[in-house]
C-alpha cells in the first residue's frame, strides 16, 4: 500500500515539475518546436527553396508557352 502511495506522490511531483518547466519556457518564449532539418540554412531549407524555385520557373515557363500558343491561334 505504501509503495503505491509513494509512486503516486512521485508521479505528482514529476508532473508538477513538468508544468513548472513548461510555464518557465512559455515566459521566456522558448516553447517553440525546432523544425530540425528545415531550420534556416540547414539542408532541408536549401532543398525546399531549390524545389520552390524550380516549381515557380516551370509554372512560368508553361504559362508563357500557353499564352504564346493562344497568341499564335489568334493570328
N, C-alpha and C. Protein backbone atom coordinates (compact mmCIF):
# COMPACT_ATOMS: atom_id res chain seq x y z
N UNK A 1 0.82 -1.18 0.00
CA UNK A 1 0.00 0.00 0.00
C UNK A 1 0.87 1.25 0.00
N UNK A 2 1.95 1.27 0.76
CA UNK A 2 2.81 2.45 0.83
C UNK A 2 3.57 2.68 -0.47
N UNK A 3 3.91 1.60 -1.16
CA UNK A 3 4.63 1.73 -2.43
C UNK A 3 3.77 2.43 -3.46
N UNK A 4 2.49 2.09 -3.53
CA UNK A 4 1.57 2.75 -4.46
C UNK A 4 1.42 4.22 -4.13
N UNK A 5 1.31 4.55 -2.86
CA UNK A 5 1.19 5.95 -2.46
C UNK A 5 2.45 6.72 -2.80
N UNK A 6 3.61 6.11 -2.58
CA UNK A 6 4.88 6.76 -2.90
C UNK A 6 4.99 6.97 -4.41
N UNK A 7 4.58 5.98 -5.16
CA UNK A 7 4.61 6.10 -6.63
C UNK A 7 3.71 7.23 -7.10
N UNK A 8 2.52 7.32 -6.53
CA UNK A 8 1.60 8.39 -6.90
C UNK A 8 2.17 9.76 -6.54
N UNK A 9 2.81 9.86 -5.40
CA UNK A 9 3.42 11.13 -4.99
C UNK A 9 4.55 11.49 -5.95
N UNK A 10 5.37 10.52 -6.35
CA UNK A 10 6.46 10.79 -7.28
C UNK A 10 5.93 11.23 -8.64
N UNK A 11 4.87 10.56 -9.12
CA UNK A 11 4.27 10.98 -10.39
C UNK A 11 3.69 12.38 -10.29
N UNK A 12 3.08 12.70 -9.16
CA UNK A 12 2.52 14.03 -8.96
C UNK A 12 3.62 15.10 -8.96
N UNK A 13 4.74 14.80 -8.30
CA UNK A 13 5.85 15.75 -8.27
C UNK A 13 6.47 15.91 -9.65
N UNK A 14 6.61 14.81 -10.38
CA UNK A 14 7.17 14.89 -11.74
C UNK A 14 6.27 15.73 -12.63
N UNK A 15 4.96 15.54 -12.51
CA UNK A 15 4.02 16.32 -13.30
C UNK A 15 4.10 17.80 -12.93
N UNK A 16 4.24 18.08 -11.65
CA UNK A 16 4.37 19.46 -11.19
C UNK A 16 5.64 20.11 -11.76
N UNK A 17 6.73 19.37 -11.79
CA UNK A 17 7.98 19.89 -12.35
C UNK A 17 7.83 20.14 -13.85
N UNK A 18 7.16 19.23 -14.56
CA UNK A 18 6.94 19.43 -15.99
C UNK A 18 6.13 20.69 -16.25
N UNK A 19 5.10 20.90 -15.44
CA UNK A 19 4.28 22.09 -15.62
C UNK A 19 5.07 23.36 -15.32
N UNK A 20 5.92 23.29 -14.30
CA UNK A 20 6.73 24.46 -13.94
C UNK A 20 7.72 24.77 -15.07
N UNK A 21 8.36 23.73 -15.61
CA UNK A 21 9.30 23.94 -16.72
C UNK A 21 8.58 24.47 -17.95
N UNK A 22 7.41 23.93 -18.23
CA UNK A 22 6.64 24.39 -19.38
C UNK A 22 6.25 25.86 -19.21
N UNK A 23 5.81 26.23 -18.03
CA UNK A 23 5.42 27.62 -17.76
C UNK A 23 6.63 28.55 -17.90
N UNK A 24 7.79 28.11 -17.40
CA UNK A 24 9.00 28.93 -17.49
C UNK A 24 9.42 29.11 -18.95
N UNK A 25 9.32 28.05 -19.74
CA UNK A 25 9.68 28.16 -21.16
C UNK A 25 8.73 29.10 -21.90
N UNK A 26 7.44 29.05 -21.55
CA UNK A 26 6.48 29.95 -22.19
C UNK A 26 6.78 31.40 -21.82
N UNK A 27 7.17 31.64 -20.59
CA UNK A 27 7.51 33.00 -20.17
C UNK A 27 8.72 33.52 -20.93
N UNK A 28 9.70 32.65 -21.17
CA UNK A 28 10.93 33.06 -21.86
C UNK A 28 10.81 32.89 -23.38
N UNK A 29 9.62 32.50 -23.85
CA UNK A 29 9.34 32.30 -25.27
C UNK A 29 10.29 31.28 -25.90
N UNK A 30 10.59 30.22 -25.16
CA UNK A 30 11.44 29.15 -25.67
C UNK A 30 10.63 27.87 -25.86
N UNK A 31 9.33 27.98 -26.00
CA UNK A 31 8.48 26.80 -26.13
C UNK A 31 8.19 26.43 -27.58
N UNK A 32 8.93 27.01 -28.51
CA UNK A 32 8.72 26.73 -29.93
C UNK A 32 9.33 25.38 -30.30
N UNK A 33 8.73 24.72 -31.27
CA UNK A 33 9.25 23.45 -31.75
C UNK A 33 10.37 23.73 -32.74
N UNK A 34 11.48 23.04 -32.59
CA UNK A 34 12.60 23.19 -33.52
C UNK A 34 12.28 22.41 -34.79
N UNK A 35 12.27 23.08 -35.95
CA UNK A 35 11.95 22.38 -37.19
C UNK A 35 13.04 21.40 -37.64
N UNK A 36 14.18 21.39 -36.97
CA UNK A 36 15.23 20.42 -37.29
C UNK A 36 15.88 20.69 -38.62
N UNK A 37 15.72 19.77 -39.55
CA UNK A 37 16.37 19.85 -40.85
C UNK A 37 15.92 21.07 -41.64
N UNK A 38 14.71 21.58 -41.36
CA UNK A 38 14.21 22.73 -42.12
C UNK A 38 14.51 24.05 -41.43
N UNK A 39 15.38 24.06 -40.43
CA UNK A 39 15.81 25.31 -39.81
C UNK A 39 16.56 26.14 -40.85
N UNK A 40 16.66 27.43 -40.59
CA UNK A 40 17.31 28.36 -41.51
C UNK A 40 18.71 27.89 -41.88
N UNK A 41 18.96 27.77 -43.17
CA UNK A 41 20.25 27.41 -43.77
C UNK A 41 20.65 25.94 -43.54
N UNK A 42 19.75 25.11 -43.08
CA UNK A 42 20.02 23.67 -42.95
C UNK A 42 19.72 23.01 -44.30
N UNK A 43 20.15 21.76 -44.50
CA UNK A 43 19.95 21.10 -45.80
C UNK A 43 18.49 21.07 -46.27
N UNK A 44 17.57 20.84 -45.36
CA UNK A 44 16.16 20.83 -45.75
C UNK A 44 15.68 22.18 -46.24
N UNK A 45 16.22 23.24 -45.64
CA UNK A 45 15.86 24.60 -46.05
C UNK A 45 16.30 24.82 -47.49
N UNK A 46 17.52 24.41 -47.81
CA UNK A 46 18.03 24.57 -49.18
C UNK A 46 17.22 23.74 -50.16
N UNK A 47 16.91 22.51 -49.79
CA UNK A 47 16.13 21.64 -50.68
C UNK A 47 14.74 22.23 -50.94
N UNK A 48 14.09 22.71 -49.89
CA UNK A 48 12.77 23.31 -50.04
C UNK A 48 12.82 24.51 -50.99
N UNK A 49 13.83 25.36 -50.84
CA UNK A 49 13.93 26.53 -51.70
C UNK A 49 14.29 26.15 -53.13
N UNK A 50 15.15 25.16 -53.31
CA UNK A 50 15.50 24.73 -54.66
C UNK A 50 14.27 24.18 -55.38
N UNK A 51 13.48 23.37 -54.70
CA UNK A 51 12.26 22.82 -55.30
C UNK A 51 11.25 23.93 -55.57
N UNK A 52 11.15 24.88 -54.66
CA UNK A 52 10.21 26.00 -54.86
C UNK A 52 10.61 26.86 -56.06
N UNK A 53 11.88 27.17 -56.17
CA UNK A 53 12.35 27.98 -57.30
C UNK A 53 12.15 27.25 -58.61
N UNK A 54 12.46 25.95 -58.64
CA UNK A 54 12.25 25.16 -59.85
C UNK A 54 10.77 25.11 -60.21
N UNK A 55 9.90 24.97 -59.20
CA UNK A 55 8.46 24.94 -59.44
C UNK A 55 7.94 26.24 -60.01
N UNK A 56 8.39 27.36 -59.48
CA UNK A 56 7.96 28.67 -60.00
C UNK A 56 8.46 28.86 -61.43
N UNK A 57 9.69 28.42 -61.70
CA UNK A 57 10.23 28.52 -63.06
C UNK A 57 9.38 27.69 -64.03
N UNK A 58 9.08 26.45 -63.65
CA UNK A 58 8.29 25.58 -64.53
C UNK A 58 6.89 26.14 -64.74
N UNK A 59 6.29 26.67 -63.70
CA UNK A 59 4.96 27.27 -63.81
C UNK A 59 4.99 28.46 -64.79
N UNK A 60 5.99 29.33 -64.64
CA UNK A 60 6.12 30.48 -65.53
C UNK A 60 6.39 30.06 -66.96
N UNK A 61 7.22 29.04 -67.15
CA UNK A 61 7.55 28.55 -68.49
C UNK A 61 6.30 27.98 -69.17
N UNK A 62 5.54 27.18 -68.44
CA UNK A 62 4.31 26.60 -69.00
C UNK A 62 3.27 27.68 -69.29
N UNK A 63 3.18 28.66 -68.41
CA UNK A 63 2.24 29.76 -68.62
C UNK A 63 2.64 30.56 -69.86
N UNK A 64 3.92 30.82 -70.03
CA UNK A 64 4.40 31.57 -71.21
C UNK A 64 4.13 30.79 -72.49
N UNK A 65 4.36 29.48 -72.46
CA UNK A 65 4.07 28.65 -73.65
C UNK A 65 2.59 28.67 -73.98
N UNK A 66 1.76 28.60 -72.94
CA UNK A 66 0.32 28.61 -73.15
C UNK A 66 -0.14 29.92 -73.76
N UNK A 67 0.37 31.02 -73.26
CA UNK A 67 0.00 32.33 -73.79
C UNK A 67 0.48 32.48 -75.22
N UNK A 68 1.70 32.05 -75.50
CA UNK A 68 2.26 32.15 -76.85
C UNK A 68 1.46 31.25 -77.79
N UNK A 69 1.08 30.07 -77.34
CA UNK A 69 0.31 29.13 -78.15
C UNK A 69 -1.05 29.75 -78.48
N UNK A 70 -1.72 30.36 -77.52
CA UNK A 70 -3.01 31.00 -77.76
C UNK A 70 -2.85 32.19 -78.70
N UNK A 71 -1.75 32.93 -78.57
CA UNK A 71 -1.50 34.09 -79.41
C UNK A 71 -1.31 33.65 -80.86
N UNK A 72 -0.66 32.51 -81.11
CA UNK A 72 -0.46 32.01 -82.46
C UNK A 72 -1.78 31.57 -83.10
N UNK A 73 -2.73 31.06 -82.29
CA UNK A 73 -4.03 30.68 -82.81
C UNK A 73 -4.85 31.89 -83.24
N UNK A 74 -4.67 33.00 -82.53
CA UNK A 74 -5.45 34.19 -82.81
C UNK A 74 -5.05 34.83 -84.13
N UNK A 75 -3.83 34.61 -84.60
CA UNK A 75 -3.37 35.28 -85.83
C UNK A 75 -3.87 34.63 -87.06
